[in-house]
Amino acid sequence: MQDETKQHCRRSIIREFCLNTSTHALSGIARSETIVAYLKYPTQIDASYVSEWPQYFPAFSLCNASPLRFDKFKEPFFNYIKTRNLTDSNDTTTLSPFQAHYIRDFLIDKINRNESLKPLFYPFSSMFSTCSFNVVRCLETDFLPFISSTYGLCYTFNAKLKYSNNDSIRYGNKNGADGNLKLGLYVHNHQYVPYVRDSKCIFEYHRI
């Protein structure tokens, strides 16, 4: 009995020292029993969920990574650099790295002249080979065009118009399907302006 009392006193002394010492981590060891007791405390979780169906299909935007079509771009661009003596060649079919430095200046000049850049971009008809939403064929009117300062002419499917009352937004279960948008795209990598972009498309989902 006396040995047990001595042992208890020793534990109390050690515990008291650990709780009050400035030595790093010893106080945590002394409190470990409290932590274990806390973790053993019974808990109960009440989980519920709300089913929201049908839901709106998200808006979906896509752009061609290269904003400019070389076949539409080259003639006005070469005229621009030629009239300003900015070219290092008389070739009007091939763009050199030196000439490519003036693409930005060319575009800024057209904007300052209030000239549209749209003829230089990729129209809807040239990019979309196939399109369907829930098995039903898409039309060009199903996409809202907009201009990106980086990617040129882009298109958004299922866009929410600023002053609409959501009556034009499609639900995911429209036509009895599960919200499947299928696109066949043609990126025209042979028409990419050299030194500008690699061939690819840019996609983005938007919450309604």
C-alpha atoms as a PDB file:
ATOM      1  CA  MET A   1       0.000   0.000   0.000  1.00  0.00           C
ATOM      2  CA  GLN A   2       2.857   2.304   0.868  1.00  0.00           C
ATOM      3  CA  ASP A   3       4.559   1.530  -2.458  1.00  0.00           C
ATOM      4  CA  GLU A   4       1.377   2.426  -4.378  1.00  0.00           C
ATOM      5  CA  THR A   5       1.152   5.754  -2.537  1.00  0.00           C
ATOM      6  CA  LYS A   6       4.763   6.576  -3.376  1.00  0.00           C
ATOM      7  CA  GLN A   7       4.194   5.651  -7.013  1.00  0.00           C
ATOM      8  CA  HIS A   8       1.103   7.898  -7.209  1.00  0.00           C
ATOM      9  CA  CYS A   9       3.049  10.783  -5.671  1.00  0.00           C
ATOM     10  CA  ARG A  10       5.813  10.351  -8.191  1.00  0.00           C
ATOM     11  CA  ARG A  11       3.302  10.435 -11.061  1.00  0.00           C
ATOM     12  CA  SER A  12       1.702  13.568  -9.628  1.00  0.00           C
ATOM     13  CA  ILE A  13       5.069  15.282  -9.296  1.00  0.00           C
ATOM     14  CA  ILE A  14       6.074  14.364 -12.850  1.00  0.00           C
ATOM     15  CA  ARG A  15       2.687  15.459 -14.233  1.00  0.00           C
ATOM     16  CA  GLU A  16       2.841  18.768 -12.363  1.00  0.00           C
ATOM     17  CA  PHE A  17       6.346  19.383 -13.700  1.00  0.00           C
ATOM     18  CA  CYS A  18       5.312  18.596 -17.272  1.00  0.00           C
ATOM     19  CA  LEU A  19       2.325  20.937 -17.145  1.00  0.00           C
ATOM     20  CA  ASN A  20       4.293  23.876 -15.789  1.00  0.00           C
ATOM     21  CA  THR A  21       7.690  23.501 -17.409  1.00  0.00           C
ATOM     22  CA  SER A  22       8.751  25.691 -20.319  1.00  0.00           C
ATOM     23  CA  THR A  23      10.402  22.696 -21.971  1.00  0.00           C
ATOM     24  CA  HIS A  24       8.856  22.180 -25.406  1.00  0.00           C
ATOM     25  CA  ALA A  25       6.344  19.288 -25.807  1.00  0.00           C
ATOM     26  CA  LEU A  26       6.407  17.964 -22.221  1.00  0.00           C
ATOM     27  CA  SER A  27       3.147  19.714 -21.346  1.00  0.00           C
ATOM     28  CA  GLY A  28       1.503  18.029 -24.312  1.00  0.00           C
ATOM     29  CA  ILE A  29       2.546  14.618 -23.020  1.00  0.00           C
ATOM     30  CA  ALA A  30       0.924  15.350 -19.660  1.00  0.00           C
ATOM     31  CA  ARG A  31      -2.357  16.304 -21.341  1.00  0.00           C
ATOM     32  CA  SER A  32      -2.452  13.246 -23.585  1.00  0.00           C
ATOM     33  CA  GLU A  33      -4.893  11.437 -21.295  1.00  0.00           C
ATOM     34  CA  THR A  34      -7.337  14.320 -21.644  1.00  0.00           C
ATOM     35  CA  ILE A  35      -7.069  14.176 -25.428  1.00  0.00           C
ATOM     36  CA  VAL A  36      -7.646  10.425 -25.475  1.00  0.00           C
ATOM     37  CA  ALA A  37     -10.685  10.848 -23.216  1.00  0.00           C
ATOM     38  CA  TYR A  38     -12.059  13.516 -25.569  1.00  0.00           C
ATOM     39  CA  LEU A  39     -11.628  11.288 -28.612  1.00  0.00           C
ATOM     40  CA  LYS A  40     -13.468   8.464 -26.850  1.00  0.00           C
ATOM     41  CA  TYR A  41     -16.457  10.674 -26.157  1.00  0.00           C
ATOM     42  CA  PRO A  42     -19.474   9.337 -28.098  1.00  0.00           C
ATOM     43  CA  THR A  43     -20.700  11.435 -31.024  1.00  0.00           C
ATOM     44  CA  GLN A  44     -23.759  11.389 -33.250  1.00  0.00           C
ATOM     45  CA  ILE A  45     -23.982  12.685 -36.822  1.00  0.00           C
ATOM     46  CA  ASP A  46     -27.293  13.696 -38.360  1.00  0.00           C
ATOM     47  CA  ALA A  47     -26.917  14.019 -42.146  1.00  0.00           C
ATOM     48  CA  SER A  48     -29.594  15.073 -44.615  1.00  0.00           C
ATOM     49  CA  TYR A  49     -29.672  16.207 -48.231  1.00  0.00           C
ATOM     50  CA  VAL A  50     -31.964  18.198 -50.466  1.00  0.00           C
ATOM     51  CA  SER A  51     -32.601  16.925 -53.966  1.00  0.00           C
ATOM     52  CA  GLU A  52     -32.699  19.758 -56.503  1.00  0.00           C
ATOM     53  CA  TRP A  53     -33.736  18.266 -59.807  1.00  0.00           C
ATOM     54  CA  PRO A  54     -33.955  19.231 -62.530  1.00  0.00           C
ATOM     55  CA  GLN A  55     -30.995  21.620 -62.502  1.00  0.00           C
ATOM     56  CA  TYR A  56     -29.890  24.151 -65.073  1.00  0.00           C
ATOM     57  CA  PHE A  57     -27.233  22.966 -67.480  1.00  0.00           C
ATOM     58  CA  PRO A  58     -24.101  25.102 -66.916  1.00  0.00           C
ATOM     59  CA  ALA A  59     -23.112  27.724 -69.453  1.00  0.00           C
ATOM     60  CA  PHE A  60     -20.191  26.550 -71.557  1.00  0.00           C
ATOM     61  CA  SER A  61     -17.758  28.828 -73.404  1.00  0.00           C
ATOM     62  CA  LEU A  62     -15.144  27.948 -75.979  1.00  0.00           C
ATOM     63  CA  CYS A  63     -12.566  29.842 -77.992  1.00  0.00           C
ATOM     64  CA  ASN A  64      -9.948  29.011 -80.542  1.00  0.00           C
ATOM     65  CA  ALA A  65      -6.578  29.495 -78.806  1.00  0.00           C
ATOM     66  CA  SER A  66      -5.357  31.452 -81.810  1.00  0.00           C
ATOM     67  CA  PRO A  67      -7.578  34.495 -82.356  1.00  0.00           C
ATOM     68  CA  LEU A  68      -6.471  35.244 -85.935  1.00  0.00           C
ATOM     69  CA  ARG A  69      -6.898  33.356 -89.203  1.00  0.00           C
ATOM     70  CA  PHE A  70      -3.710  33.692 -91.218  1.00  0.00           C
ATOM     71  CA  ASP A  71      -5.536  33.662 -94.562  1.00  0.00           C
ATOM     72  CA  LYS A  72      -7.644  36.669 -93.453  1.00  0.00           C
ATOM     73  CA  PHE A  73      -4.879  38.347 -91.507  1.00  0.00           C
ATOM     74  CA  LYS A  74      -1.872  38.281 -93.806  1.00  0.00           C
ATOM     75  CA  GLU A  75      -2.962  40.748 -96.518  1.00  0.00           C
ATOM     76  CA  PRO A  76      -3.898  43.695 -94.258  1.00  0.00           C
ATOM     77  CA  PHE A  77      -0.952  42.958 -91.965  1.00  0.00           C
ATOM     78  CA  PHE A  78       1.648  42.870 -94.735  1.00  0.00           C
ATOM     79  CA  ASN A  79       0.178  46.080 -96.159  1.00  0.00           C
ATOM     80  CA  TYR A  80       0.513  47.659 -92.708  1.00  0.00           C
ATOM     81  CA  ILE A  81       4.189  46.792 -92.213  1.00  0.00           C
ATOM     82  CA  LYS A  82       5.071  47.574 -95.837  1.00  0.00           C
ATOM     83  CA  THR A  83       3.644  51.093 -95.776  1.00  0.00           C
ATOM     84  CA  ARG A  84       5.572  51.769 -92.556  1.00  0.00           C
ATOM     85  CA  ASN A  85       8.832  50.207 -93.766  1.00  0.00           C
ATOM     86  CA  LEU A  86       8.728  47.664 -90.936  1.00  0.00           C
ATOM     87  CA  THR A  87       9.395  44.577 -93.019  1.00  0.00           C
ATOM     88  CA  ASP A  88      12.688  42.801 -93.590  1.00  0.00           C
ATOM     89  CA  SER A  89      11.418  40.936 -96.651  1.00  0.00           C
ATOM     90  CA  ASN A  90       9.324  41.346 -99.788  1.00  0.00           C
ATOM     91  CA  ASP A  91       7.654  37.995 -99.168  1.00  0.00           C
ATOM     92  CA  THR A  92       3.932  38.470 -98.472  1.00  0.00           C
ATOM     93  CA  THR A  93       3.094  34.820 -97.827  1.00  0.00           C
ATOM     94  CA  THR A  94       5.441  33.908 -94.972  1.00  0.00           C
ATOM     95  CA  LEU A  95       5.650  35.658 -91.614  1.00  0.00           C
ATOM     96  CA  SER A  96       9.131  36.094 -90.135  1.00  0.00           C
ATOM     97  CA  PRO A  97       9.925  36.351 -86.400  1.00  0.00           C
ATOM     98  CA  PHE A  98      10.954  39.978 -86.970  1.00  0.00           C
ATOM     99  CA  GLN A  99       7.598  40.835 -88.565  1.00  0.00           C
ATOM    100  CA  ALA A 100       5.655  39.017 -85.837  1.00  0.00           C
ATOM    101  CA  HIS A 101       6.765  41.656 -83.333  1.00  0.00           C
ATOM    102  CA  TYR A 102       4.435  44.130 -85.053  1.00  0.00           C
ATOM    103  CA  ILE A 103       1.220  42.078 -84.823  1.00  0.00           C
ATOM    104  CA  ARG A 104       0.131  43.845 -81.639  1.00  0.00           C
ATOM    105  CA  ASP A 105       0.829  47.267 -83.159  1.00  0.00           C
ATOM    106  CA  PHE A 106      -1.191  46.294 -86.228  1.00  0.00           C
ATOM    107  CA  LEU A 107      -4.222  45.302 -84.140  1.00  0.00           C
ATOM    108  CA  ILE A 108      -4.029  48.456 -82.030  1.00  0.00           C
ATOM    109  CA  ASP A 109      -3.864  50.544 -85.197  1.00  0.00           C
ATOM    110  CA  LYS A 110      -7.036  48.916 -86.551  1.00  0.00           C
ATOM    111  CA  ILE A 111      -8.869  49.564 -83.283  1.00  0.00           C
ATOM    112  CA  ASN A 112      -7.739  53.195 -83.244  1.00  0.00           C
ATOM    113  CA  ARG A 113      -9.139  53.544 -86.762  1.00  0.00           C
ATOM    114  CA  ASN A 114     -12.477  52.083 -85.576  1.00  0.00           C
ATOM    115  CA  GLU A 115     -11.979  49.136 -87.910  1.00  0.00           C
ATOM    116  CA  SER A 116     -13.511  45.826 -86.878  1.00  0.00           C
ATOM    117  CA  LEU A 117     -11.244  42.901 -86.052  1.00  0.00           C
ATOM    118  CA  LYS A 118     -14.083  40.427 -86.492  1.00  0.00           C
ATOM    119  CA  PRO A 119     -13.208  39.539 -90.130  1.00  0.00           C
ATOM    120  CA  LEU A 120      -9.828  38.294 -88.863  1.00  0.00           C
ATOM    121  CA  PHE A 121     -11.370  35.885 -86.331  1.00  0.00           C
ATOM    122  CA  TYR A 122     -12.802  32.374 -86.706  1.00  0.00           C
ATOM    123  CA  PRO A 123     -16.543  32.438 -87.495  1.00  0.00           C
ATOM    124  CA  PHE A 124     -18.896  29.918 -85.933  1.00  0.00           C
ATOM    125  CA  SER A 125     -19.450  28.052 -89.196  1.00  0.00           C
ATOM    126  CA  SER A 126     -15.733  27.382 -89.634  1.00  0.00           C
ATOM    127  CA  MET A 127     -15.119  26.004 -86.128  1.00  0.00           C
ATOM    128  CA  PHE A 128     -18.160  23.806 -85.467  1.00  0.00           C
ATOM    129  CA  SER A 129     -18.466  20.644 -87.517  1.00  0.00           C
ATOM    130  CA  THR A 130     -21.019  18.906 -85.247  1.00  0.00           C
ATOM    131  CA  CYS A 131     -22.984  19.958 -82.174  1.00  0.00           C
ATOM    132  CA  SER A 132     -25.802  18.333 -80.201  1.00  0.00           C
ATOM    133  CA  PHE A 133     -27.364  18.783 -76.774  1.00  0.00           C
ATOM    134  CA  ASN A 134     -29.216  15.769 -75.400  1.00  0.00           C
ATOM    135  CA  VAL A 135     -29.227  14.224 -78.895  1.00  0.00           C
ATOM    136  CA  VAL A 136     -30.880  17.308 -80.473  1.00  0.00           C
ATOM    137  CA  ARG A 137     -28.768  19.205 -83.026  1.00  0.00           C
ATOM    138  CA  CYS A 138     -27.457  22.629 -81.949  1.00  0.00           C
ATOM    139  CA  LEU A 139     -27.839  25.751 -84.057  1.00  0.00           C
ATOM    140  CA  GLU A 140     -25.629  28.811 -84.299  1.00  0.00           C
ATOM    141  CA  THR A 141     -28.370  30.775 -82.533  1.00  0.00           C
ATOM    142  CA  ASP A 142     -27.871  28.533 -79.480  1.00  0.00           C
ATOM    143  CA  PHE A 143     -24.470  30.172 -78.927  1.00  0.00           C
ATOM    144  CA  LEU A 144     -23.832  33.711 -77.757  1.00  0.00           C
ATOM    145  CA  PRO A 145     -20.725  35.225 -79.421  1.00  0.00           C
ATOM    146  CA  PHE A 146     -18.409  37.520 -77.495  1.00  0.00           C
ATOM    147  CA  ILE A 147     -14.980  39.056 -78.048  1.00  0.00           C
ATOM    148  CA  SER A 148     -12.030  38.059 -75.848  1.00  0.00           C
ATOM    149  CA  SER A 149      -8.965  40.306 -75.775  1.00  0.00           C
ATOM    150  CA  THR A 150      -6.817  37.156 -75.692  1.00  0.00           C
ATOM    151  CA  TYR A 151      -8.653  34.642 -77.898  1.00  0.00           C
ATOM    152  CA  GLY A 152     -10.679  36.776 -80.268  1.00  0.00           C
ATOM    153  CA  LEU A 153     -14.170  35.583 -81.132  1.00  0.00           C
ATOM    154  CA  CYS A 154     -15.571  33.106 -78.567  1.00  0.00           C
ATOM    155  CA  TYR A 155     -18.952  31.410 -78.128  1.00  0.00           C
ATOM    156  CA  THR A 156     -21.067  30.532 -75.071  1.00  0.00           C
ATOM    157  CA  PHE A 157     -23.700  27.797 -75.041  1.00  0.00           C
ATOM    158  CA  ASN A 158     -26.668  28.186 -72.673  1.00  0.00           C
ATOM    159  CA  ALA A 159     -25.732  31.748 -71.735  1.00  0.00           C
ATOM    160  CA  LYS A 160     -27.936  33.653 -69.324  1.00  0.00           C
ATOM    161  CA  LEU A 161     -28.823  36.979 -70.882  1.00  0.00           C
ATOM    162  CA  LYS A 162     -28.638  40.067 -68.679  1.00  0.00           C
ATOM    163  CA  TYR A 163     -32.323  40.997 -68.855  1.00  0.00           C
ATOM    164  CA  SER A 164     -33.799  37.514 -69.328  1.00  0.00           C
ATOM    165  CA  ASN A 165     -36.058  35.703 -66.860  1.00  0.00           C
ATOM    166  CA  ASN A 166     -34.213  32.366 -67.309  1.00  0.00           C
ATOM    167  CA  ASP A 167     -36.821  31.081 -69.776  1.00  0.00           C
ATOM    168  CA  SER A 168     -34.113  30.531 -72.395  1.00  0.00           C
ATOM    169  CA  ILE A 169     -31.748  28.559 -70.141  1.00  0.00           C
ATOM    170  CA  ARG A 170     -31.736  24.822 -70.730  1.00  0.00           C
ATOM    171  CA  TYR A 171     -32.229  22.259 -67.987  1.00  0.00           C
ATOM    172  CA  GLY A 172     -29.897  19.284 -67.837  1.00  0.00           C
ATOM    173  CA  ASN A 173     -32.785  16.863 -68.396  1.00  0.00           C
ATOM    174  CA  LYS A 174     -34.165  18.611 -71.474  1.00  0.00           C
ATOM    175  CA  ASN A 175     -35.492  16.136 -74.055  1.00  0.00           C
ATOM    176  CA  GLY A 176     -35.372  13.402 -71.417  1.00  0.00           C
ATOM    177  CA  ALA A 177     -31.580  13.035 -71.329  1.00  0.00           C
ATOM    178  CA  ASP A 178     -28.858  13.691 -68.750  1.00  0.00           C
ATOM    179  CA  GLY A 179     -27.268  16.915 -69.971  1.00  0.00           C
ATOM    180  CA  ASN A 180     -24.902  15.770 -72.729  1.00  0.00           C
ATOM    181  CA  LEU A 181     -23.323  18.462 -74.879  1.00  0.00           C
ATOM    182  CA  LYS A 182     -21.334  16.947 -77.738  1.00  0.00           C
ATOM    183  CA  LEU A 183     -19.138  19.069 -79.984  1.00  0.00           C
ATOM    184  CA  GLY A 184     -17.041  18.360 -83.029  1.00  0.00           C
ATOM    185  CA  LEU A 185     -14.574  21.199 -83.519  1.00  0.00           C
ATOM    186  CA  TYR A 186     -12.135  22.139 -86.248  1.00  0.00           C
ATOM    187  CA  VAL A 187      -9.281  24.296 -84.916  1.00  0.00           C
ATOM    188  CA  HIS A 188      -7.738  25.219 -88.300  1.00  0.00           C
ATOM    189  CA  ASN A 189      -4.171  24.752 -87.083  1.00  0.00           C
ATOM    190  CA  HIS A 190      -2.957  25.214 -90.659  1.00  0.00           C
ATOM    191  CA  GLN A 191      -4.334  28.778 -90.477  1.00  0.00           C
ATOM    192  CA  TYR A 192      -2.649  29.685 -87.191  1.00  0.00           C
ATOM    193  CA  VAL A 193      -0.522  32.814 -87.323  1.00  0.00           C
ATOM    194  CA  PRO A 194       3.099  31.722 -86.752  1.00  0.00           C
ATOM    195  CA  TYR A 195       4.716  32.619 -83.403  1.00  0.00           C
ATOM    196  CA  VAL A 196       1.350  33.416 -81.802  1.00  0.00           C
ATOM    197  CA  ARG A 197      -0.310  30.253 -80.390  1.00  0.00           C
ATOM    198  CA  ASP A 198      -0.160  26.469 -80.392  1.00  0.00           C
ATOM    199  CA  SER A 199      -3.166  24.684 -81.885  1.00  0.00           C
ATOM    200  CA  LYS A 200      -5.859  24.037 -79.287  1.00  0.00           C
ATOM    201  CA  CYS A 201      -9.242  25.201 -78.019  1.00  0.00           C
ATOM    202  CA  ILE A 202     -10.029  26.920 -74.723  1.00  0.00           C
ATOM    203  CA  PHE A 203     -13.052  25.695 -72.722  1.00  0.00           C
ATOM    204  CA  GLU A 204     -14.726  27.089 -69.615  1.00  0.00           C
ATOM    205  CA  TYR A 205     -17.787  26.128 -67.561  1.00  0.00           C
ATOM    206  CA  HIS A 206     -19.868  28.823 -65.859  1.00  0.00           C
ATOM    207  CA  ARG A 207     -22.315  28.468 -62.997  1.00  0.00           C
ATOM    208  CA  ILE A 208     -25.823  29.663 -63.809  1.00  0.00           C
END
